[in-house]
Amino acid sequence: MLHSFLSSCQSRRWPALLLGVLLGLPPLANAACTRLVASGNPEYPPFLWQDPKNDSKLIGANAELMQLVAREIGIPIEVRYAGPWGRVQESARNGRIDLIAGAFLTQPRLTYLRYLQPAIRDTQTLIWTRQQHPLQYQRWEDLLGQEGITVVNNSFGQAFDQFAAISLKLQQVGSVKNALQMLSLGRADYLIYEDAPGLAYASSLNIKGLRASTVPVSREKLYLTVALASACNNEQMAERLSRAMKKFSDERVMDALVEKYLRVWQVQSRAARRPG
């Protein structure tokens, strides 16, 4: 009887979701996942930044990685500009985007993000200072009593975030551009930011006289994450994405992509500074 009922349903082209409800089966979450929308920190070269030719898109090493992943899993991934980093995280929390292409792991983010293994890349966060007023940084306690600056909604690892919240004087600003300019003007003693993005922005702004610590504040892994509120958040999708990430991690694809997009960023920055 069940077989004849199913045959009747299929011949009438009943939606799969309705069939699941009638038979008491779990909904087919994958049925709706014909594409994925990804976003990330738009001030994060060489990993991600707004496309100067189309400001609704993000480009960079992570954006190209998402296209490789898309081909691997057979589902298109649109890497979209979704606003500043804080708004991107809110969009993931509300399920307006499916993926964040690059996030550090923190306890609060675990409430709305599924972290996929392996990580996209290992990163390190440095202390940036002015050469005229260097800060001899070796350990976190060396920052006590100094006026620091960072970018709003950035994380530098759970342990350092907790230390900074309790012990440091840290002003938060809206963008890394503002932070670097304020540091260069002496309106802060130091900036906390990552190595490659910090170098990329200092170069594009033509800011000289800055130096980065040789000792990192933290070493963190940058992950691809799935929004828990996404309609595409399910075990099958997570497994497919993780399999693709494992393949590209084994092939060390990100090393080549980071080098490629550092060059792209530098070319774009020189063109933007050129008069006329």
C-alpha atoms as a PDB file:
ATOM      1  CA  MET A   1       0.000   0.000   0.000  1.00  0.00           C
ATOM      2  CA  LEU A   2       2.817   2.419   0.904  1.00  0.00           C
ATOM      3  CA  HIS A   3       4.535   1.692  -2.424  1.00  0.00           C
ATOM      4  CA  SER A   4       1.418   2.452  -4.433  1.00  0.00           C
ATOM      5  CA  PHE A   5       0.826   5.647  -2.409  1.00  0.00           C
ATOM      6  CA  LEU A   6       4.372   6.874  -3.111  1.00  0.00           C
ATOM      7  CA  SER A   7       4.039   6.028  -6.800  1.00  0.00           C
ATOM      8  CA  SER A   8       0.809   7.993  -6.922  1.00  0.00           C
ATOM      9  CA  CYS A   9       2.483  10.980  -5.218  1.00  0.00           C
ATOM     10  CA  GLN A  10       5.468  10.902  -7.582  1.00  0.00           C
ATOM     11  CA  SER A  11       3.233  10.702 -10.648  1.00  0.00           C
ATOM     12  CA  ARG A  12       1.458  13.834  -9.443  1.00  0.00           C
ATOM     13  CA  ARG A  13       4.849  15.522  -8.810  1.00  0.00           C
ATOM     14  CA  TRP A  14       4.084  16.297  -5.150  1.00  0.00           C
ATOM     15  CA  PRO A  15       6.830  18.377  -3.545  1.00  0.00           C
ATOM     16  CA  ALA A  16       9.411  16.356  -1.623  1.00  0.00           C
ATOM     17  CA  LEU A  17       8.904  18.450   1.465  1.00  0.00           C
ATOM     18  CA  LEU A  18       5.151  17.680   1.567  1.00  0.00           C
ATOM     19  CA  LEU A  19       5.872  13.980   1.156  1.00  0.00           C
ATOM     20  CA  GLY A  20       8.214  14.155   4.135  1.00  0.00           C
ATOM     21  CA  VAL A  21       5.569  15.808   6.274  1.00  0.00           C
ATOM     22  CA  LEU A  22       2.916  13.209   5.305  1.00  0.00           C
ATOM     23  CA  LEU A  23       5.242  10.314   6.077  1.00  0.00           C
ATOM     24  CA  GLY A  24       6.645  11.827   9.274  1.00  0.00           C
ATOM     25  CA  LEU A  25      10.168  12.119   7.825  1.00  0.00           C
ATOM     26  CA  PRO A  26      12.646  14.954   8.598  1.00  0.00           C
ATOM     27  CA  PRO A  27      12.552  17.820   6.071  1.00  0.00           C
ATOM     28  CA  LEU A  28      14.974  17.636   3.156  1.00  0.00           C
ATOM     29  CA  ALA A  29      17.100  20.673   3.988  1.00  0.00           C
ATOM     30  CA  ASN A  30      19.369  20.063   0.998  1.00  0.00           C
ATOM     31  CA  ALA A  31      16.466  20.357  -1.443  1.00  0.00           C
ATOM     32  CA  ALA A  32      16.525  24.160  -1.123  1.00  0.00           C
ATOM     33  CA  CYS A  33      20.339  24.468  -1.247  1.00  0.00           C
ATOM     34  CA  THR A  34      20.877  25.196  -4.910  1.00  0.00           C
ATOM     35  CA  ARG A  35      23.317  28.014  -4.071  1.00  0.00           C
ATOM     36  CA  LEU A  36      25.191  29.403  -1.087  1.00  0.00           C
ATOM     37  CA  VAL A  37      25.817  33.039  -0.170  1.00  0.00           C
ATOM     38  CA  ALA A  38      29.141  33.767   1.522  1.00  0.00           C
ATOM     39  CA  SER A  39      30.581  36.957   2.959  1.00  0.00           C
ATOM     40  CA  GLY A  40      33.345  38.015   5.307  1.00  0.00           C
ATOM     41  CA  ASN A  41      35.406  40.899   6.609  1.00  0.00           C
ATOM     42  CA  PRO A  42      35.549  43.374   3.677  1.00  0.00           C
ATOM     43  CA  GLU A  43      38.682  45.055   5.084  1.00  0.00           C
ATOM     44  CA  TYR A  44      40.884  42.000   5.060  1.00  0.00           C
ATOM     45  CA  PRO A  45      43.332  42.018   2.129  1.00  0.00           C
ATOM     46  CA  PRO A  46      44.779  39.805   0.757  1.00  0.00           C
ATOM     47  CA  PHE A  47      42.016  37.492   2.002  1.00  0.00           C
ATOM     48  CA  LEU A  48      38.925  39.607   1.225  1.00  0.00           C
ATOM     49  CA  TRP A  49      38.050  43.127   0.113  1.00  0.00           C
ATOM     50  CA  GLN A  50      35.448  44.930  -1.975  1.00  0.00           C
ATOM     51  CA  ASP A  51      35.854  44.611  -5.730  1.00  0.00           C
ATOM     52  CA  PRO A  52      36.624  48.133  -7.024  1.00  0.00           C
ATOM     53  CA  LYS A  53      34.813  47.244 -10.271  1.00  0.00           C
ATOM     54  CA  ASN A  54      31.697  45.948  -8.483  1.00  0.00           C
ATOM     55  CA  ASP A  55      31.250  46.994  -4.874  1.00  0.00           C
ATOM     56  CA  SER A  56      28.520  44.397  -4.280  1.00  0.00           C
ATOM     57  CA  LYS A  57      31.191  41.666  -4.538  1.00  0.00           C
ATOM     58  CA  LEU A  58      34.211  40.639  -2.477  1.00  0.00           C
ATOM     59  CA  ILE A  59      37.471  39.519  -4.055  1.00  0.00           C
ATOM     60  CA  GLY A  60      40.664  38.075  -2.605  1.00  0.00           C
ATOM     61  CA  ALA A  61      42.269  34.758  -1.684  1.00  0.00           C
ATOM     62  CA  ASN A  62      39.252  33.573   0.327  1.00  0.00           C
ATOM     63  CA  ALA A  63      36.835  34.561  -2.441  1.00  0.00           C
ATOM     64  CA  GLU A  64      38.727  32.518  -5.028  1.00  0.00           C
ATOM     65  CA  LEU A  65      38.945  29.627  -2.559  1.00  0.00           C
ATOM     66  CA  MET A  66      35.132  29.694  -2.315  1.00  0.00           C
ATOM     67  CA  GLN A  67      34.887  29.337  -6.097  1.00  0.00           C
ATOM     68  CA  LEU A  68      37.174  26.298  -5.964  1.00  0.00           C
ATOM     69  CA  VAL A  69      35.035  24.850  -3.171  1.00  0.00           C
ATOM     70  CA  ALA A  70      31.882  25.564  -5.198  1.00  0.00           C
ATOM     71  CA  ARG A  71      33.186  23.561  -8.135  1.00  0.00           C
ATOM     72  CA  GLU A  72      34.191  20.746  -5.807  1.00  0.00           C
ATOM     73  CA  ILE A  73      30.758  20.434  -4.148  1.00  0.00           C
ATOM     74  CA  GLY A  74      28.755  21.213  -7.290  1.00  0.00           C
ATOM     75  CA  ILE A  75      26.870  24.156  -5.750  1.00  0.00           C
ATOM     76  CA  PRO A  76      27.476  27.819  -6.726  1.00  0.00           C
ATOM     77  CA  ILE A  77      28.813  30.097  -3.990  1.00  0.00           C
ATOM     78  CA  GLU A  78      28.219  33.843  -4.322  1.00  0.00           C
ATOM     79  CA  VAL A  79      30.779  35.870  -2.353  1.00  0.00           C
ATOM     80  CA  ARG A  80      28.820  39.011  -1.560  1.00  0.00           C
ATOM     81  CA  TYR A  81      29.624  42.283   0.193  1.00  0.00           C
ATOM     82  CA  ALA A  82      27.271  42.325   3.180  1.00  0.00           C
ATOM     83  CA  GLY A  83      28.497  45.482   4.901  1.00  0.00           C
ATOM     84  CA  PRO A  84      31.133  46.051   7.606  1.00  0.00           C
ATOM     85  CA  TRP A  85      32.464  43.087   9.582  1.00  0.00           C
ATOM     86  CA  GLY A  86      30.004  43.587  12.435  1.00  0.00           C
ATOM     87  CA  ARG A  87      27.047  43.525  10.048  1.00  0.00           C
ATOM     88  CA  VAL A  88      28.408  40.395   8.343  1.00  0.00           C
ATOM     89  CA  GLN A  89      28.395  38.592  11.676  1.00  0.00           C
ATOM     90  CA  GLU A  90      24.850  39.797  12.358  1.00  0.00           C
ATOM     91  CA  SER A  91      23.777  38.557   8.913  1.00  0.00           C
ATOM     92  CA  ALA A  92      25.155  35.120   9.746  1.00  0.00           C
ATOM     93  CA  ARG A  93      23.414  35.166  13.124  1.00  0.00           C
ATOM     94  CA  ASN A  94      20.095  35.878  11.390  1.00  0.00           C
ATOM     95  CA  GLY A  95      20.636  33.443   8.506  1.00  0.00           C
ATOM     96  CA  ARG A  96      20.773  36.118   5.797  1.00  0.00           C
ATOM     97  CA  ILE A  97      24.051  34.622   4.594  1.00  0.00           C
ATOM     98  CA  ASP A  98      25.044  30.956   4.616  1.00  0.00           C
ATOM     99  CA  LEU A  99      28.825  31.104   5.028  1.00  0.00           C
ATOM    100  CA  ILE A 100      31.483  33.333   6.552  1.00  0.00           C
ATOM    101  CA  ALA A 101      34.662  32.879   4.529  1.00  0.00           C
ATOM    102  CA  GLY A 102      37.153  33.542   7.299  1.00  0.00           C
ATOM    103  CA  ALA A 103      36.460  33.797  11.048  1.00  0.00           C
ATOM    104  CA  PHE A 104      38.467  33.123  14.180  1.00  0.00           C
ATOM    105  CA  LEU A 105      36.984  30.756  16.726  1.00  0.00           C
ATOM    106  CA  THR A 106      35.519  32.424  19.809  1.00  0.00           C
ATOM    107  CA  GLN A 107      33.014  31.177  22.366  1.00  0.00           C
ATOM    108  CA  PRO A 108      30.306  33.750  21.473  1.00  0.00           C
ATOM    109  CA  ARG A 109      30.513  32.886  17.775  1.00  0.00           C
ATOM    110  CA  LEU A 110      29.907  29.204  18.506  1.00  0.00           C
ATOM    111  CA  THR A 111      26.326  30.170  19.349  1.00  0.00           C
ATOM    112  CA  TYR A 112      25.588  31.016  15.715  1.00  0.00           C
ATOM    113  CA  LEU A 113      28.391  29.506  13.587  1.00  0.00           C
ATOM    114  CA  ARG A 114      29.423  25.955  12.700  1.00  0.00           C
ATOM    115  CA  TYR A 115      33.211  25.811  12.279  1.00  0.00           C
ATOM    116  CA  LEU A 116      34.525  23.526   9.547  1.00  0.00           C
ATOM    117  CA  GLN A 117      37.781  21.597   9.648  1.00  0.00           C
ATOM    118  CA  PRO A 118      40.445  22.002   8.440  1.00  0.00           C
ATOM    119  CA  ALA A 119      41.031  25.733   8.809  1.00  0.00           C
ATOM    120  CA  ILE A 120      41.492  28.011   5.823  1.00  0.00           C
ATOM    121  CA  ARG A 121      44.858  29.236   7.095  1.00  0.00           C
ATOM    122  CA  ASP A 122      46.954  29.923  10.182  1.00  0.00           C
ATOM    123  CA  THR A 123      47.359  33.631  10.930  1.00  0.00           C
ATOM    124  CA  GLN A 124      49.219  35.750  13.452  1.00  0.00           C
ATOM    125  CA  THR A 125      48.319  39.040  15.080  1.00  0.00           C
ATOM    126  CA  LEU A 126      51.047  41.598  15.710  1.00  0.00           C
ATOM    127  CA  ILE A 127      51.551  44.820  17.630  1.00  0.00           C
ATOM    128  CA  TRP A 128      52.029  47.795  15.283  1.00  0.00           C
ATOM    129  CA  THR A 129      53.818  50.910  16.541  1.00  0.00           C
ATOM    130  CA  ARG A 130      55.508  54.045  15.184  1.00  0.00           C
ATOM    131  CA  GLN A 131      59.256  53.755  14.617  1.00  0.00           C
ATOM    132  CA  GLN A 132      59.809  57.029  16.500  1.00  0.00           C
ATOM    133  CA  HIS A 133      57.995  55.642  19.560  1.00  0.00           C
ATOM    134  CA  PRO A 134      58.638  51.897  19.497  1.00  0.00           C
ATOM    135  CA  LEU A 135      57.086  49.669  22.117  1.00  0.00           C
ATOM    136  CA  GLN A 136      59.326  46.770  23.079  1.00  0.00           C
ATOM    137  CA  TYR A 137      56.696  44.071  22.925  1.00  0.00           C
ATOM    138  CA  GLN A 138      57.484  40.545  24.117  1.00  0.00           C
ATOM    139  CA  ARG A 139      54.400  39.544  26.097  1.00  0.00           C
ATOM    140  CA  TRP A 140      50.843  40.720  26.713  1.00  0.00           C
ATOM    141  CA  GLU A 141      51.775  42.484  29.972  1.00  0.00           C
ATOM    142  CA  ASP A 142      54.030  44.872  28.011  1.00  0.00           C
ATOM    143  CA  LEU A 143      50.840  46.551  26.776  1.00  0.00           C
ATOM    144  CA  LEU A 144      49.640  47.494  30.272  1.00  0.00           C
ATOM    145  CA  GLY A 145      49.289  51.241  30.725  1.00  0.00           C
ATOM    146  CA  GLN A 146      49.628  51.967  27.003  1.00  0.00           C
ATOM    147  CA  GLU A 147      46.907  53.458  24.807  1.00  0.00           C
ATOM    148  CA  GLY A 148      45.905  50.868  22.242  1.00  0.00           C
ATOM    149  CA  ILE A 149      43.625  50.835  19.256  1.00  0.00           C
ATOM    150  CA  THR A 150      41.848  48.069  17.370  1.00  0.00           C
ATOM    151  CA  VAL A 151      38.990  47.566  14.928  1.00  0.00           C
ATOM    152  CA  VAL A 152      35.473  47.043  16.233  1.00  0.00           C
ATOM    153  CA  ASN A 153      34.166  43.451  16.268  1.00  0.00           C
ATOM    154  CA  ASN A 154      37.625  41.987  15.615  1.00  0.00           C
ATOM    155  CA  SER A 155      38.768  38.979  17.617  1.00  0.00           C
ATOM    156  CA  PHE A 156      42.359  37.952  18.207  1.00  0.00           C
ATOM    157  CA  GLY A 157      41.625  34.663  19.913  1.00  0.00           C
ATOM    158  CA  GLN A 158      39.528  33.875  22.972  1.00  0.00           C
ATOM    159  CA  ALA A 159      42.381  34.073  25.495  1.00  0.00           C
ATOM    160  CA  PHE A 160      43.749  37.432  24.341  1.00  0.00           C
ATOM    161  CA  ASP A 161      40.243  38.910  23.944  1.00  0.00           C
ATOM    162  CA  GLN A 162      39.541  38.120  27.608  1.00  0.00           C
ATOM    163  CA  PHE A 163      42.876  39.567  28.733  1.00  0.00           C
ATOM    164  CA  ALA A 164      42.312  42.740  26.689  1.00  0.00           C
ATOM    165  CA  ALA A 165      38.771  43.244  28.006  1.00  0.00           C
ATOM    166  CA  ILE A 166      39.972  43.118  31.606  1.00  0.00           C
ATOM    167  CA  SER A 167      43.445  44.654  31.492  1.00  0.00           C
ATOM    168  CA  LEU A 168      44.034  46.873  28.456  1.00  0.00           C
ATOM    169  CA  LYS A 169      43.054  50.375  27.392  1.00  0.00           C
ATOM    170  CA  LEU A 170      41.770  49.700  23.898  1.00  0.00           C
ATOM    171  CA  GLN A 171      39.877  52.150  21.730  1.00  0.00           C
ATOM    172  CA  GLN A 172      37.792  50.523  18.982  1.00  0.00           C
ATOM    173  CA  VAL A 173      37.359  52.247  15.620  1.00  0.00           C
ATOM    174  CA  GLY A 174      35.275  51.429  12.577  1.00  0.00           C
ATOM    175  CA  SER A 175      38.000  50.491  10.088  1.00  0.00           C
ATOM    176  CA  VAL A 176      41.634  49.469   9.861  1.00  0.00           C
ATOM    177  CA  LYS A 177      42.252  52.516   7.641  1.00  0.00           C
ATOM    178  CA  ASN A 178      41.185  54.821  10.479  1.00  0.00           C
ATOM    179  CA  ALA A 179      43.203  52.804  12.967  1.00  0.00           C
ATOM    180  CA  LEU A 180      46.429  53.017  10.939  1.00  0.00           C
ATOM    181  CA  GLN A 181      45.981  56.738  10.308  1.00  0.00           C
ATOM    182  CA  MET A 182      45.356  57.386  14.007  1.00  0.00           C
ATOM    183  CA  LEU A 183      48.459  55.399  14.929  1.00  0.00           C
ATOM    184  CA  SER A 184      50.596  57.274  12.402  1.00  0.00           C
ATOM    185  CA  LEU A 185      49.346  60.579  13.846  1.00  0.00           C
ATOM    186  CA  GLY A 186      50.286  59.524  17.378  1.00  0.00           C
ATOM    187  CA  ARG A 187      46.729  59.233  18.652  1.00  0.00           C
ATOM    188  CA  ALA A 188      47.507  55.753  19.993  1.00  0.00           C
ATOM    189  CA  ASP A 189      50.632  53.968  21.234  1.00  0.00           C
ATOM    190  CA  TYR A 190      49.960  50.766  19.365  1.00  0.00           C
ATOM    191  CA  LEU A 191      47.557  48.975  17.036  1.00  0.00           C
ATOM    192  CA  ILE A 192      46.597  45.312  17.295  1.00  0.00           C
ATOM    193  CA  TYR A 193      46.092  43.781  13.863  1.00  0.00           C
ATOM    194  CA  GLU A 194      47.143  40.847  11.738  1.00  0.00           C
ATOM    195  CA  ASP A 195      50.349  40.707   9.735  1.00  0.00           C
ATOM    196  CA  ALA A 196      49.326  40.377   6.066  1.00  0.00           C
ATOM    197  CA  PRO A 197      46.239  42.648   6.211  1.00  0.00           C
ATOM    198  CA  GLY A 198      48.155  45.252   8.234  1.00  0.00           C
ATOM    199  CA  LEU A 199      50.998  45.341   5.715  1.00  0.00           C
ATOM    200  CA  ALA A 200      48.540  45.501   2.822  1.00  0.00           C
ATOM    201  CA  TYR A 201      46.667  48.495   4.235  1.00  0.00           C
ATOM    202  CA  ALA A 202      49.759  50.389   5.352  1.00  0.00           C
ATOM    203  CA  SER A 203      51.090  50.024   1.796  1.00  0.00           C
ATOM    204  CA  SER A 204      47.835  51.142   0.150  1.00  0.00           C
ATOM    205  CA  LEU A 205      47.573  54.217   2.399  1.00  0.00           C
ATOM    206  CA  ASN A 206      51.250  55.031   1.773  1.00  0.00           C
ATOM    207  CA  ILE A 207      51.803  55.222   5.530  1.00  0.00           C
ATOM    208  CA  LYS A 208      55.492  55.017   6.393  1.00  0.00           C
ATOM    209  CA  GLY A 209      57.304  54.865   9.690  1.00  0.00           C
ATOM    210  CA  LEU A 210      55.353  51.964  11.175  1.00  0.00           C
ATOM    211  CA  ARG A 211      56.813  48.730  12.407  1.00  0.00           C
ATOM    212  CA  ALA A 212      55.343  45.415  13.501  1.00  0.00           C
ATOM    213  CA  SER A 213      56.436  43.299  16.448  1.00  0.00           C
ATOM    214  CA  THR A 214      58.435  40.161  15.732  1.00  0.00           C
ATOM    215  CA  VAL A 215      56.601  38.400  18.559  1.00  0.00           C
ATOM    216  CA  PRO A 216      52.924  37.767  17.762  1.00  0.00           C
ATOM    217  CA  VAL A 217      50.116  38.609  20.179  1.00  0.00           C
ATOM    218  CA  SER A 218      48.384  35.427  19.113  1.00  0.00           C
ATOM    219  CA  ARG A 219      48.407  32.746  16.464  1.00  0.00           C
ATOM    220  CA  GLU A 220      44.942  31.791  15.365  1.00  0.00           C
ATOM    221  CA  LYS A 221      43.308  29.664  12.731  1.00  0.00           C
ATOM    222  CA  LEU A 222      41.008  31.272  10.179  1.00  0.00           C
ATOM    223  CA  TYR A 223      37.971  29.084   9.488  1.00  0.00           C
ATOM    224  CA  LEU A 224      35.229  28.656   6.949  1.00  0.00           C
ATOM    225  CA  THR A 225      31.976  28.677   8.924  1.00  0.00           C
ATOM    226  CA  VAL A 226      28.343  27.833   8.239  1.00  0.00           C
ATOM    227  CA  ALA A 227      25.614  29.988   9.793  1.00  0.00           C
ATOM    228  CA  LEU A 228      23.548  27.825  12.135  1.00  0.00           C
ATOM    229  CA  ALA A 229      20.463  29.794  11.018  1.00  0.00           C
ATOM    230  CA  SER A 230      21.121  29.017   7.337  1.00  0.00           C
ATOM    231  CA  ALA A 231      18.603  26.810   5.551  1.00  0.00           C
ATOM    232  CA  CYS A 232      21.649  24.927   4.194  1.00  0.00           C
ATOM    233  CA  ASN A 233      23.067  24.102   7.630  1.00  0.00           C
ATOM    234  CA  ASN A 234      23.004  20.310   7.853  1.00  0.00           C
ATOM    235  CA  GLU A 235      25.449  17.457   8.348  1.00  0.00           C
ATOM    236  CA  GLN A 236      25.582  16.512   4.675  1.00  0.00           C
ATOM    237  CA  MET A 237      26.477  20.046   3.565  1.00  0.00           C
ATOM    238  CA  ALA A 238      29.064  20.434   6.331  1.00  0.00           C
ATOM    239  CA  GLU A 239      30.670  17.137   5.329  1.00  0.00           C
ATOM    240  CA  ARG A 240      30.854  18.122   1.656  1.00  0.00           C
ATOM    241  CA  LEU A 241      32.384  21.495   2.485  1.00  0.00           C
ATOM    242  CA  SER A 242      34.900  19.950   4.897  1.00  0.00           C
ATOM    243  CA  ARG A 243      35.936  17.369   2.291  1.00  0.00           C
ATOM    244  CA  ALA A 244      36.628  20.154  -0.192  1.00  0.00           C
ATOM    245  CA  MET A 245      38.563  22.144   2.410  1.00  0.00           C
ATOM    246  CA  LYS A 246      40.670  19.076   3.246  1.00  0.00           C
ATOM    247  CA  LYS A 247      41.580  18.626  -0.416  1.00  0.00           C
ATOM    248  CA  PHE A 248      42.683  22.244  -0.839  1.00  0.00           C
ATOM    249  CA  SER A 249      44.515  22.233   2.493  1.00  0.00           C
ATOM    250  CA  ASP A 250      46.490  19.147   1.469  1.00  0.00           C
ATOM    251  CA  GLU A 251      47.344  20.838  -1.839  1.00  0.00           C
ATOM    252  CA  ARG A 252      48.414  24.053  -0.010  1.00  0.00           C
ATOM    253  CA  VAL A 253      46.218  26.076  -2.341  1.00  0.00           C
ATOM    254  CA  MET A 254      45.963  29.063   0.026  1.00  0.00           C
ATOM    255  CA  ASP A 255      49.723  29.713  -0.051  1.00  0.00           C
ATOM    256  CA  ALA A 256      49.540  30.464  -3.778  1.00  0.00           C
ATOM    257  CA  LEU A 257      46.268  32.409  -3.449  1.00  0.00           C
ATOM    258  CA  VAL A 258      47.617  34.693  -0.705  1.00  0.00           C
ATOM    259  CA  GLU A 259      50.697  35.530  -2.799  1.00  0.00           C
ATOM    260  CA  LYS A 260      48.525  36.137  -5.870  1.00  0.00           C
ATOM    261  CA  TYR A 261      46.133  38.496  -4.124  1.00  0.00           C
ATOM    262  CA  LEU A 262      48.853  40.417  -2.324  1.00  0.00           C
ATOM    263  CA  ARG A 263      50.060  41.338  -5.813  1.00  0.00           C
ATOM    264  CA  VAL A 264      46.510  42.162  -6.979  1.00  0.00           C
ATOM    265  CA  TRP A 265      45.977  44.421  -3.954  1.00  0.00           C
ATOM    266  CA  GLN A 266      49.277  46.219  -4.516  1.00  0.00           C
ATOM    267  CA  VAL A 267      48.481  46.839  -8.190  1.00  0.00           C
ATOM    268  CA  GLN A 268      45.034  48.198  -7.313  1.00  0.00           C
ATOM    269  CA  SER A 269      46.471  50.403  -4.559  1.00  0.00           C
ATOM    270  CA  ARG A 270      49.057  51.923  -6.896  1.00  0.00           C
ATOM    271  CA  ALA A 271      46.374  52.576  -9.514  1.00  0.00           C
ATOM    272  CA  ALA A 272      44.132  54.248  -6.912  1.00  0.00           C
ATOM    273  CA  ARG A 273      46.983  56.605  -5.860  1.00  0.00           C
ATOM    274  CA  ARG A 274      47.858  57.510  -9.434  1.00  0.00           C
ATOM    275  CA  PRO A 275      46.622  61.034 -10.312  1.00  0.00           C
ATOM    276  CA  GLY A 276      43.998  61.374 -12.984  1.00  0.00           C
END
